[in-house]
């Protein structure tokens, strides 16, 4: 059986797209490997690229505080990104970059087998194969997806950078986090 450690070592050596050319470190993901919830973000930022850990910059601190506010410790979940290397100047990853990294994400999810995936933003939703034109079409909705030969339940919400910059979105973001974690307890295993 495949392990997250083996996948991470493969990601560290990845040269499948140009993002590898300027990265300091890959950011495969981290957290509780036997969790029932996986949180997927967009891509590593500057701090993540330097340390090789997901969500440790401003957005990460906002996410951690938001999770704490609903009674969830960050260490209880596994956190990763749609792409595993930092796009230049923190730009949004391209569809091609997301598609290139997608097999790594699918393999990680196959190992963890979470009951719920929390997709933070459009890149995360796209990496899961969810089709949409605008985030508003899929935000705050549970969506059943198939990756590989497994089915997963996914909830899509804002990337934490959005409510961090726009306080009017914080209530909705926190409501989505609460809905995800409350619903997780009732999902079949």
N, C-alpha and C. Protein backbone atom coordinates (compact mmCIF):
# COMPACT_ATOMS: atom_id res chain seq x y z
N UNK A 1 0.84 -1.20 0.00
CA UNK A 1 0.00 0.00 0.00
C UNK A 1 0.88 1.25 0.00
N UNK A 2 0.46 2.24 -0.75
CA UNK A 2 1.20 3.49 -0.87
C UNK A 2 1.10 4.30 0.43
N UNK A 3 2.15 5.09 0.71
CA UNK A 3 2.14 5.93 1.91
C UNK A 3 2.27 7.40 1.53
N UNK A 4 1.82 8.26 2.44
CA UNK A 4 1.98 9.70 2.22
C UNK A 4 3.44 10.09 2.17
N UNK A 5 4.28 9.40 2.94
CA UNK A 5 5.72 9.68 2.92
C UNK A 5 6.30 9.41 1.55
N UNK A 6 5.93 8.30 0.94
CA UNK A 6 6.43 7.97 -0.40
C UNK A 6 5.96 9.00 -1.43
N UNK A 7 4.71 9.42 -1.32
CA UNK A 7 4.18 10.44 -2.24
C UNK A 7 4.94 11.75 -2.04
N UNK A 8 5.18 12.14 -0.80
CA UNK A 8 5.91 13.38 -0.50
C UNK A 8 7.32 13.35 -1.08
N UNK A 9 7.99 12.21 -0.97
CA UNK A 9 9.35 12.10 -1.53
C UNK A 9 9.33 12.23 -3.05
N UNK A 10 8.29 11.71 -3.67
CA UNK A 10 8.14 11.84 -5.12
C UNK A 10 7.88 13.30 -5.50
N UNK A 11 7.04 13.97 -4.72
CA UNK A 11 6.75 15.39 -4.97
C UNK A 11 8.02 16.22 -4.84
N UNK A 12 8.87 15.91 -3.86
CA UNK A 12 10.11 16.66 -3.64
C UNK A 12 11.01 16.65 -4.88
N UNK A 13 10.93 15.60 -5.67
CA UNK A 13 11.78 15.45 -6.86
C UNK A 13 11.07 15.84 -8.15
N UNK A 14 9.83 16.30 -8.04
CA UNK A 14 9.00 16.54 -9.22
C UNK A 14 9.57 17.64 -10.12
N UNK A 15 9.57 17.37 -11.41
CA UNK A 15 9.97 18.34 -12.43
C UNK A 15 8.95 18.35 -13.58
N UNK A 16 7.70 18.02 -13.28
CA UNK A 16 6.70 17.88 -14.33
C UNK A 16 6.22 19.20 -14.92
N UNK A 17 6.41 20.32 -14.21
CA UNK A 17 6.04 21.62 -14.78
C UNK A 17 7.09 22.66 -14.38
N UNK A 18 6.97 23.85 -14.92
CA UNK A 18 7.97 24.90 -14.69
C UNK A 18 7.98 25.46 -13.27
N UNK A 19 6.99 25.14 -12.46
CA UNK A 19 7.00 25.63 -11.08
C UNK A 19 8.20 25.10 -10.31
N UNK A 20 8.75 23.97 -10.75
CA UNK A 20 9.90 23.39 -10.07
C UNK A 20 11.16 24.24 -10.24
N UNK A 21 11.20 25.08 -11.25
CA UNK A 21 12.41 25.82 -11.58
C UNK A 21 12.80 26.87 -10.55
N UNK A 22 11.83 27.46 -9.88
CA UNK A 22 12.13 28.54 -8.94
C UNK A 22 11.74 28.23 -7.50
N UNK A 23 11.30 27.03 -7.24
CA UNK A 23 10.87 26.71 -5.88
C UNK A 23 12.08 26.54 -4.96
N UNK A 24 11.86 26.84 -3.69
CA UNK A 24 12.84 26.50 -2.66
C UNK A 24 12.54 25.11 -2.14
N UNK A 25 11.27 24.91 -1.76
CA UNK A 25 10.83 23.61 -1.24
C UNK A 25 9.46 23.29 -1.81
N UNK A 26 9.21 22.01 -1.98
CA UNK A 26 7.86 21.57 -2.31
C UNK A 26 7.05 21.59 -1.03
N UNK A 27 5.72 21.63 -1.19
CA UNK A 27 4.82 21.65 -0.04
C UNK A 27 3.77 20.56 -0.25
N UNK A 28 4.15 19.31 0.08
CA UNK A 28 3.21 18.20 -0.15
C UNK A 28 1.97 18.25 0.72
N UNK A 29 2.10 18.73 1.92
CA UNK A 29 0.99 18.77 2.87
C UNK A 29 1.44 18.22 4.20
N UNK A 30 0.61 18.43 5.23
CA UNK A 30 0.96 17.92 6.55
C UNK A 30 -0.29 17.83 7.41
N UNK A 31 -0.16 17.08 8.47
CA UNK A 31 -1.25 16.97 9.43
C UNK A 31 -1.54 15.54 9.79
N UNK A 32 -2.72 15.33 10.28
CA UNK A 32 -3.16 14.03 10.75
C UNK A 32 -3.47 13.12 9.56
N UNK A 33 -2.67 12.10 9.39
CA UNK A 33 -2.83 11.20 8.24
C UNK A 33 -4.01 10.25 8.38
N UNK A 34 -4.54 10.11 9.58
CA UNK A 34 -5.69 9.23 9.76
C UNK A 34 -6.96 10.04 10.03
N UNK A 35 -6.94 11.28 9.60
CA UNK A 35 -8.08 12.18 9.79
C UNK A 35 -9.24 11.80 8.89
N UNK A 36 -10.39 12.32 9.23
CA UNK A 36 -11.55 12.15 8.37
C UNK A 36 -11.79 13.37 7.50
N UNK A 37 -10.98 14.43 7.71
CA UNK A 37 -11.16 15.66 6.93
C UNK A 37 -9.82 16.11 6.34
N UNK A 38 -9.85 16.39 5.04
CA UNK A 38 -8.70 16.96 4.35
C UNK A 38 -9.10 18.36 3.87
N UNK A 39 -8.24 19.33 4.15
CA UNK A 39 -8.44 20.70 3.68
C UNK A 39 -7.48 20.94 2.53
N UNK A 40 -8.03 21.42 1.41
CA UNK A 40 -7.22 21.68 0.22
C UNK A 40 -7.27 23.17 -0.10
N UNK A 41 -6.10 23.77 -0.21
CA UNK A 41 -5.98 25.17 -0.60
C UNK A 41 -5.55 25.29 -2.04
N UNK A 42 -5.03 26.46 -2.37
CA UNK A 42 -4.67 26.76 -3.75
C UNK A 42 -3.24 26.35 -4.08
N UNK A 43 -2.28 27.03 -3.45
CA UNK A 43 -0.87 26.82 -3.76
C UNK A 43 -0.02 27.40 -2.62
N UNK A 44 1.21 26.94 -2.50
CA UNK A 44 2.08 27.52 -1.48
C UNK A 44 2.38 28.99 -1.79
N UNK A 45 2.53 29.77 -0.73
CA UNK A 45 2.99 31.15 -0.85
C UNK A 45 4.46 31.24 -0.47
N UNK A 46 4.94 32.45 -0.26
CA UNK A 46 6.36 32.67 0.04
C UNK A 46 6.82 31.91 1.28
N UNK A 47 6.10 32.05 2.39
CA UNK A 47 6.50 31.38 3.63
C UNK A 47 6.45 29.87 3.49
N UNK A 48 5.44 29.37 2.82
CA UNK A 48 5.29 27.94 2.62
C UNK A 48 6.44 27.40 1.77
N UNK A 49 6.81 28.15 0.73
CA UNK A 49 7.90 27.76 -0.15
C UNK A 49 9.23 27.71 0.61
N UNK A 50 9.42 28.60 1.56
CA UNK A 50 10.66 28.61 2.33
C UNK A 50 10.73 27.48 3.35
N UNK A 51 9.57 27.12 3.93
CA UNK A 51 9.58 26.13 5.01
C UNK A 51 9.06 24.75 4.62
N UNK A 52 8.38 24.66 3.46
CA UNK A 52 7.87 23.36 3.02
C UNK A 52 6.62 22.91 3.76
N UNK A 53 5.91 23.85 4.38
CA UNK A 53 4.70 23.53 5.14
C UNK A 53 3.53 24.35 4.60
N UNK A 54 2.32 23.76 4.55
CA UNK A 54 1.17 24.48 4.01
C UNK A 54 0.55 25.45 5.01
N UNK A 55 0.01 26.51 4.49
CA UNK A 55 -0.78 27.47 5.27
C UNK A 55 -0.08 27.93 6.55
N UNK A 56 1.12 28.51 6.39
CA UNK A 56 1.83 29.06 7.55
C UNK A 56 2.01 30.57 7.45
N UNK A 57 1.60 31.16 6.34
CA UNK A 57 1.67 32.60 6.18
C UNK A 57 0.43 33.26 6.76
N UNK A 58 0.11 34.44 6.27
CA UNK A 58 -1.04 35.19 6.79
C UNK A 58 -2.36 34.43 6.61
N UNK A 59 -2.56 33.86 5.43
CA UNK A 59 -3.78 33.09 5.20
C UNK A 59 -3.84 31.87 6.11
N UNK A 60 -2.70 31.27 6.33
CA UNK A 60 -2.64 30.10 7.21
C UNK A 60 -2.97 30.44 8.65
N UNK A 61 -2.45 31.56 9.12
CA UNK A 61 -2.77 31.99 10.48
C UNK A 61 -4.26 32.30 10.59
N UNK A 62 -4.81 32.94 9.55
CA UNK A 62 -6.25 33.23 9.56
C UNK A 62 -7.05 31.93 9.57
N UNK A 63 -6.64 30.95 8.76
CA UNK A 63 -7.32 29.66 8.74
C UNK A 63 -7.25 28.99 10.11
N UNK A 64 -6.06 28.97 10.71
CA UNK A 64 -5.89 28.33 12.02
C UNK A 64 -6.78 28.99 13.07
N UNK A 65 -6.82 30.31 13.09
CA UNK A 65 -7.67 31.03 14.05
C UNK A 65 -9.15 30.76 13.78
N UNK A 66 -9.52 30.66 12.52
CA UNK A 66 -10.91 30.37 12.17
C UNK A 66 -11.29 28.97 12.63
N UNK A 67 -10.40 28.01 12.43
CA UNK A 67 -10.67 26.65 12.90
C UNK A 67 -10.79 26.63 14.42
N UNK A 68 -9.87 27.30 15.10
CA UNK A 68 -9.91 27.37 16.57
C UNK A 68 -11.23 27.97 17.06
N UNK A 69 -11.73 28.97 16.32
CA UNK A 69 -12.96 29.64 16.75
C UNK A 69 -14.18 28.72 16.70
N UNK A 70 -14.09 27.64 15.93
CA UNK A 70 -15.20 26.67 15.89
C UNK A 70 -14.83 25.39 16.65
N UNK A 71 -13.74 25.45 17.40
CA UNK A 71 -13.36 24.33 18.26
C UNK A 71 -12.59 23.22 17.58
N UNK A 72 -11.90 23.54 16.49
CA UNK A 72 -11.12 22.53 15.77
C UNK A 72 -9.64 22.90 15.83
N UNK A 73 -8.84 21.96 16.27
CA UNK A 73 -7.39 22.15 16.27
C UNK A 73 -6.85 21.75 14.89
N UNK A 74 -6.03 22.59 14.34
CA UNK A 74 -5.46 22.36 13.01
C UNK A 74 -4.78 20.99 12.90
N UNK A 75 -4.20 20.53 13.99
CA UNK A 75 -3.48 19.25 13.97
C UNK A 75 -4.43 18.06 13.78
N UNK A 76 -5.72 18.29 13.88
CA UNK A 76 -6.70 17.20 13.73
C UNK A 76 -7.01 16.88 12.27
N UNK A 77 -6.55 17.74 11.35
CA UNK A 77 -6.86 17.56 9.93
C UNK A 77 -5.58 17.44 9.12
N UNK A 78 -5.72 17.05 7.87
CA UNK A 78 -4.59 17.05 6.94
C UNK A 78 -4.81 18.22 5.99
N UNK A 79 -3.77 19.03 5.78
CA UNK A 79 -3.88 20.22 4.94
C UNK A 79 -2.88 20.11 3.79
N UNK A 80 -3.37 20.34 2.59
CA UNK A 80 -2.52 20.32 1.41
C UNK A 80 -3.02 21.39 0.43
N UNK A 81 -2.46 21.40 -0.76
CA UNK A 81 -2.85 22.38 -1.79
C UNK A 81 -3.08 21.71 -3.13
N UNK A 82 -3.75 22.43 -4.00
CA UNK A 82 -3.99 21.94 -5.36
C UNK A 82 -2.66 21.75 -6.10
N UNK A 83 -1.73 22.68 -5.94
CA UNK A 83 -0.39 22.53 -6.50
C UNK A 83 0.61 22.53 -5.35
N UNK A 84 1.72 21.86 -5.57
CA UNK A 84 2.67 21.61 -4.48
C UNK A 84 3.90 22.52 -4.52
N UNK A 85 3.98 23.40 -5.51
CA UNK A 85 5.09 24.36 -5.62
C UNK A 85 4.51 25.76 -5.76
N UNK A 86 5.26 26.75 -5.30
CA UNK A 86 4.79 28.14 -5.33
C UNK A 86 4.81 28.71 -6.74
N UNK A 87 3.68 29.22 -7.21
CA UNK A 87 3.68 29.96 -8.48
C UNK A 87 4.41 31.29 -8.28
N UNK A 88 5.11 31.78 -9.31
CA UNK A 88 5.85 33.04 -9.18
C UNK A 88 4.94 34.19 -8.72
N UNK A 89 5.45 35.00 -7.82
CA UNK A 89 4.75 36.19 -7.32
C UNK A 89 3.38 35.86 -6.71
N UNK A 90 3.24 34.65 -6.21
CA UNK A 90 1.99 34.22 -5.58
C UNK A 90 0.78 34.30 -6.52
N UNK A 91 1.03 34.19 -7.83
CA UNK A 91 -0.09 34.22 -8.76
C UNK A 91 -0.91 32.95 -8.60
N UNK A 92 -2.12 32.99 -9.10
CA UNK A 92 -3.01 31.83 -9.08
C UNK A 92 -2.41 30.75 -9.99
N UNK A 93 -2.45 29.48 -9.60
CA UNK A 93 -1.93 28.44 -10.48
C UNK A 93 -2.78 28.31 -11.75
N UNK A 94 -2.13 27.97 -12.83
CA UNK A 94 -2.85 27.79 -14.09
C UNK A 94 -3.59 26.45 -14.07
N UNK A 95 -4.54 26.31 -14.98
CA UNK A 95 -5.26 25.04 -15.10
C UNK A 95 -4.30 23.90 -15.43
N UNK A 96 -3.28 24.20 -16.23
CA UNK A 96 -2.28 23.18 -16.59
C UNK A 96 -1.48 22.75 -15.36
N UNK A 97 -1.08 23.71 -14.52
CA UNK A 97 -0.34 23.38 -13.30
C UNK A 97 -1.20 22.55 -12.34
N UNK A 98 -2.47 22.92 -12.23
CA UNK A 98 -3.39 22.17 -11.37
C UNK A 98 -3.53 20.74 -11.90
N UNK A 99 -3.69 20.60 -13.21
CA UNK A 99 -3.84 19.27 -13.82
C UNK A 99 -2.57 18.44 -13.63
N UNK A 100 -1.41 19.06 -13.71
CA UNK A 100 -0.15 18.35 -13.54
C UNK A 100 0.01 17.81 -12.12
N UNK A 101 -0.42 18.58 -11.13
CA UNK A 101 -0.31 18.16 -9.73
C UNK A 101 -1.47 17.26 -9.28
N UNK A 102 -2.53 17.25 -10.03
CA UNK A 102 -3.73 16.52 -9.61
C UNK A 102 -3.48 15.05 -9.25
N UNK A 103 -2.66 14.31 -10.01
CA UNK A 103 -2.42 12.92 -9.63
C UNK A 103 -1.83 12.76 -8.22
N UNK A 104 -0.98 13.70 -7.82
CA UNK A 104 -0.44 13.64 -6.45
C UNK A 104 -1.57 13.80 -5.43
N UNK A 105 -2.45 14.76 -5.68
CA UNK A 105 -3.56 15.01 -4.78
C UNK A 105 -4.49 13.79 -4.70
N UNK A 106 -4.80 13.22 -5.85
CA UNK A 106 -5.67 12.04 -5.88
C UNK A 106 -5.04 10.90 -5.09
N UNK A 107 -3.74 10.71 -5.25
CA UNK A 107 -3.05 9.64 -4.52
C UNK A 107 -3.07 9.92 -3.01
N UNK A 108 -2.86 11.18 -2.61
CA UNK A 108 -2.92 11.52 -1.19
C UNK A 108 -4.31 11.21 -0.63
N UNK A 109 -5.33 11.61 -1.35
CA UNK A 109 -6.70 11.36 -0.89
C UNK A 109 -7.01 9.86 -0.84
N UNK A 110 -6.46 9.10 -1.77
CA UNK A 110 -6.66 7.65 -1.77
C UNK A 110 -6.03 7.00 -0.55
N UNK A 111 -4.89 7.53 -0.10
CA UNK A 111 -4.24 7.01 1.10
C UNK A 111 -5.02 7.40 2.35
N UNK A 112 -5.40 8.67 2.46
CA UNK A 112 -6.07 9.17 3.66
C UNK A 112 -7.52 8.68 3.73
N UNK A 113 -8.19 8.65 2.59
CA UNK A 113 -9.60 8.27 2.50
C UNK A 113 -10.48 9.07 3.46
N UNK A 114 -10.46 10.40 3.32
CA UNK A 114 -11.26 11.23 4.23
C UNK A 114 -12.76 11.07 3.98
N UNK A 115 -13.52 11.30 5.03
CA UNK A 115 -14.98 11.31 4.89
C UNK A 115 -15.42 12.62 4.24
N UNK A 116 -14.62 13.69 4.43
CA UNK A 116 -14.99 15.00 3.90
C UNK A 116 -13.75 15.74 3.42
N UNK A 117 -13.90 16.40 2.28
CA UNK A 117 -12.86 17.28 1.75
C UNK A 117 -13.40 18.69 1.82
N UNK A 118 -12.63 19.59 2.39
CA UNK A 118 -12.98 21.01 2.43
C UNK A 118 -12.10 21.72 1.42
N UNK A 119 -12.70 22.17 0.32
CA UNK A 119 -11.97 22.84 -0.76
C UNK A 119 -12.04 24.35 -0.54
N UNK A 120 -10.86 24.97 -0.39
CA UNK A 120 -10.79 26.40 -0.12
C UNK A 120 -10.51 27.16 -1.42
N UNK A 121 -11.55 27.61 -2.08
CA UNK A 121 -11.41 28.44 -3.27
C UNK A 121 -11.51 27.69 -4.57
N UNK A 122 -11.41 28.46 -5.65
CA UNK A 122 -11.64 27.92 -6.99
C UNK A 122 -10.57 26.95 -7.45
N UNK A 123 -9.32 27.21 -7.13
CA UNK A 123 -8.26 26.28 -7.56
C UNK A 123 -8.42 24.93 -6.89
N UNK A 124 -8.75 24.94 -5.61
CA UNK A 124 -8.97 23.68 -4.89
C UNK A 124 -10.15 22.93 -5.50
N UNK A 125 -11.24 23.64 -5.78
CA UNK A 125 -12.41 23.00 -6.38
C UNK A 125 -12.07 22.43 -7.75
N UNK A 126 -11.34 23.19 -8.55
CA UNK A 126 -10.93 22.72 -9.88
C UNK A 126 -10.06 21.47 -9.79
N UNK A 127 -9.17 21.43 -8.79
CA UNK A 127 -8.28 20.29 -8.65
C UNK A 127 -9.04 19.00 -8.37
N UNK A 128 -10.26 19.13 -7.88
CA UNK A 128 -11.09 17.97 -7.57
C UNK A 128 -12.01 17.60 -8.73
N UNK A 129 -11.89 18.33 -9.83
CA UNK A 129 -12.69 18.04 -11.01
C UNK A 129 -14.10 18.60 -10.95
N UNK A 130 -14.35 19.51 -10.03
CA UNK A 130 -15.67 20.12 -9.92
C UNK A 130 -15.83 21.15 -11.03
N UNK A 131 -16.92 21.08 -11.75
CA UNK A 131 -17.18 22.00 -12.86
C UNK A 131 -18.06 23.16 -12.40
N UNK A 132 -17.64 24.38 -12.72
CA UNK A 132 -18.39 25.58 -12.33
C UNK A 132 -17.84 26.77 -13.11
N UNK A 133 -18.65 27.82 -13.18
CA UNK A 133 -18.19 29.07 -13.79
C UNK A 133 -17.81 30.08 -12.71
N UNK A 134 -18.61 30.12 -11.64
CA UNK A 134 -18.37 31.07 -10.56
C UNK A 134 -18.43 30.33 -9.23
N UNK A 135 -17.61 30.75 -8.29
CA UNK A 135 -17.58 30.11 -6.98
C UNK A 135 -18.97 30.10 -6.34
N UNK A 136 -19.76 31.13 -6.60
CA UNK A 136 -21.09 31.23 -5.98
C UNK A 136 -21.99 30.03 -6.35
N UNK A 137 -21.71 29.38 -7.47
CA UNK A 137 -22.51 28.22 -7.89
C UNK A 137 -22.28 27.01 -6.99
N UNK A 138 -21.12 26.92 -6.38
CA UNK A 138 -20.76 25.71 -5.63
C UNK A 138 -20.44 25.98 -4.17
N UNK A 139 -20.30 27.24 -3.79
CA UNK A 139 -19.95 27.58 -2.41
C UNK A 139 -21.05 27.15 -1.46
N UNK A 140 -20.63 26.62 -0.31
CA UNK A 140 -21.55 26.21 0.77
C UNK A 140 -22.42 25.02 0.39
N UNK A 141 -22.00 24.27 -0.61
CA UNK A 141 -22.76 23.10 -1.04
C UNK A 141 -21.92 21.84 -0.88
N UNK A 142 -22.57 20.76 -0.45
CA UNK A 142 -21.90 19.46 -0.42
C UNK A 142 -22.01 18.86 -1.82
N UNK A 143 -20.87 18.42 -2.32
CA UNK A 143 -20.82 17.87 -3.67
C UNK A 143 -20.14 16.51 -3.59
N UNK A 144 -20.76 15.49 -4.17
CA UNK A 144 -20.13 14.17 -4.24
C UNK A 144 -19.27 14.13 -5.48
N UNK A 145 -18.03 13.72 -5.30
CA UNK A 145 -17.07 13.64 -6.41
C UNK A 145 -16.47 12.25 -6.44
N UNK A 146 -15.99 11.86 -7.62
CA UNK A 146 -15.28 10.60 -7.78
C UNK A 146 -13.86 10.90 -8.22
N UNK A 147 -12.91 10.38 -7.47
CA UNK A 147 -11.49 10.52 -7.81
C UNK A 147 -10.89 9.12 -7.79
N UNK A 148 -10.27 8.74 -8.91
CA UNK A 148 -9.79 7.37 -9.00
C UNK A 148 -11.00 6.46 -8.93
N UNK A 149 -10.96 5.52 -8.03
CA UNK A 149 -12.11 4.61 -7.89
C UNK A 149 -12.86 4.85 -6.58
N UNK A 150 -12.68 6.03 -5.99
CA UNK A 150 -13.33 6.34 -4.72
C UNK A 150 -14.24 7.54 -4.84
N UNK A 151 -15.29 7.51 -4.03
CA UNK A 151 -16.19 8.66 -3.94
C UNK A 151 -15.88 9.44 -2.68
N UNK A 152 -15.96 10.76 -2.79
CA UNK A 152 -15.72 11.64 -1.66
C UNK A 152 -16.83 12.68 -1.59
N UNK A 153 -17.08 13.17 -0.40
CA UNK A 153 -17.98 14.30 -0.22
C UNK A 153 -17.11 15.53 -0.02
N UNK A 154 -17.47 16.61 -0.69
CA UNK A 154 -16.67 17.82 -0.67
C UNK A 154 -17.56 19.02 -0.35
N UNK A 155 -17.03 19.94 0.42
CA UNK A 155 -17.68 21.23 0.64
C UNK A 155 -16.72 22.30 0.16
N UNK A 156 -17.22 23.22 -0.63
CA UNK A 156 -16.39 24.29 -1.18
C UNK A 156 -16.73 25.60 -0.46
N UNK A 157 -15.70 26.33 -0.11
CA UNK A 157 -15.88 27.66 0.49
C UNK A 157 -14.79 28.59 -0.03
N UNK A 158 -14.76 29.79 0.52
CA UNK A 158 -13.73 30.75 0.14
C UNK A 158 -12.34 30.25 0.51
N UNK A 159 -11.34 30.69 -0.23
CA UNK A 159 -9.97 30.58 0.24
C UNK A 159 -9.84 31.56 1.40
N UNK A 160 -9.12 31.24 2.47
CA UNK A 160 -9.07 32.13 3.63
C UNK A 160 -8.55 33.54 3.34
N UNK A 161 -7.81 33.71 2.26
CA UNK A 161 -7.31 35.05 1.93
C UNK A 161 -8.45 36.02 1.63
N UNK A 162 -9.59 35.49 1.15
CA UNK A 162 -10.71 36.36 0.81
C UNK A 162 -11.38 36.94 2.06
N UNK A 163 -11.84 36.12 3.00
CA UNK A 163 -12.43 36.72 4.21
C UNK A 163 -11.40 37.47 5.06
N UNK A 164 -10.15 37.12 4.92
CA UNK A 164 -9.10 37.84 5.65
C UNK A 164 -9.04 39.29 5.17
N UNK A 165 -9.17 39.48 3.86
CA UNK A 165 -9.12 40.83 3.27
C UNK A 165 -10.46 41.53 3.28
N UNK A 166 -11.54 40.75 3.23
CA UNK A 166 -12.88 41.32 3.17
C UNK A 166 -13.70 40.83 4.37
N UNK A 167 -13.68 41.59 5.46
CA UNK A 167 -14.36 41.16 6.68
C UNK A 167 -15.83 40.81 6.50
N UNK A 168 -16.49 41.38 5.49
CA UNK A 168 -17.90 41.07 5.27
C UNK A 168 -18.11 39.60 4.89
N UNK A 169 -17.05 38.91 4.45
CA UNK A 169 -17.15 37.50 4.06
C UNK A 169 -16.83 36.54 5.21
N UNK A 170 -16.39 37.07 6.34
CA UNK A 170 -15.95 36.20 7.45
C UNK A 170 -17.08 35.36 8.03
N UNK A 171 -18.25 35.95 8.20
CA UNK A 171 -19.37 35.21 8.77
C UNK A 171 -19.72 34.01 7.90
N UNK A 172 -19.76 34.21 6.59
CA UNK A 172 -20.07 33.13 5.66
C UNK A 172 -18.98 32.05 5.68
N UNK A 173 -17.73 32.47 5.74
CA UNK A 173 -16.60 31.53 5.79
C UNK A 173 -16.68 30.67 7.05
N UNK A 174 -16.91 31.31 8.19
CA UNK A 174 -17.02 30.58 9.46
C UNK A 174 -18.24 29.65 9.46
N UNK A 175 -19.32 30.10 8.86
CA UNK A 175 -20.52 29.26 8.76
C UNK A 175 -20.22 28.01 7.94
N UNK A 176 -19.46 28.16 6.85
CA UNK A 176 -19.09 27.01 6.02
C UNK A 176 -18.18 26.05 6.80
N UNK A 177 -17.22 26.60 7.53
CA UNK A 177 -16.34 25.74 8.33
C UNK A 177 -17.16 24.96 9.36
N UNK A 178 -18.06 25.66 10.04
CA UNK A 178 -18.91 25.00 11.04
C UNK A 178 -19.78 23.92 10.40
N UNK A 179 -20.37 24.25 9.25
CA UNK A 179 -21.22 23.28 8.55
C UNK A 179 -20.40 22.05 8.17
N UNK A 180 -19.18 22.26 7.68
CA UNK A 180 -18.34 21.13 7.28
C UNK A 180 -18.04 20.23 8.46
N UNK A 181 -17.59 20.80 9.55
CA UNK A 181 -17.19 19.97 10.69
C UNK A 181 -18.38 19.36 11.42
N UNK A 182 -19.51 20.05 11.45
CA UNK A 182 -20.71 19.46 12.05
C UNK A 182 -21.25 18.32 11.19
N UNK A 183 -21.26 18.50 9.88
CA UNK A 183 -21.76 17.48 8.97
C UNK A 183 -20.84 16.26 8.92
N UNK A 184 -19.56 16.51 9.06
CA UNK A 184 -18.56 15.43 9.03
C UNK A 184 -18.92 14.33 10.03
N UNK A 185 -19.39 14.73 11.18
CA UNK A 185 -19.72 13.76 12.23
C UNK A 185 -20.85 12.83 11.82
N UNK A 186 -21.68 13.26 10.87
CA UNK A 186 -22.83 12.46 10.46
C UNK A 186 -22.65 11.74 9.13
N UNK A 187 -21.49 11.90 8.51
CA UNK A 187 -21.26 11.24 7.23
C UNK A 187 -20.93 9.76 7.45
N UNK A 188 -21.37 8.90 6.53
CA UNK A 188 -21.04 7.48 6.67
C UNK A 188 -19.54 7.26 6.46
N UNK A 189 -19.01 6.24 7.08
CA UNK A 189 -17.57 5.94 6.92
C UNK A 189 -17.31 5.13 5.69
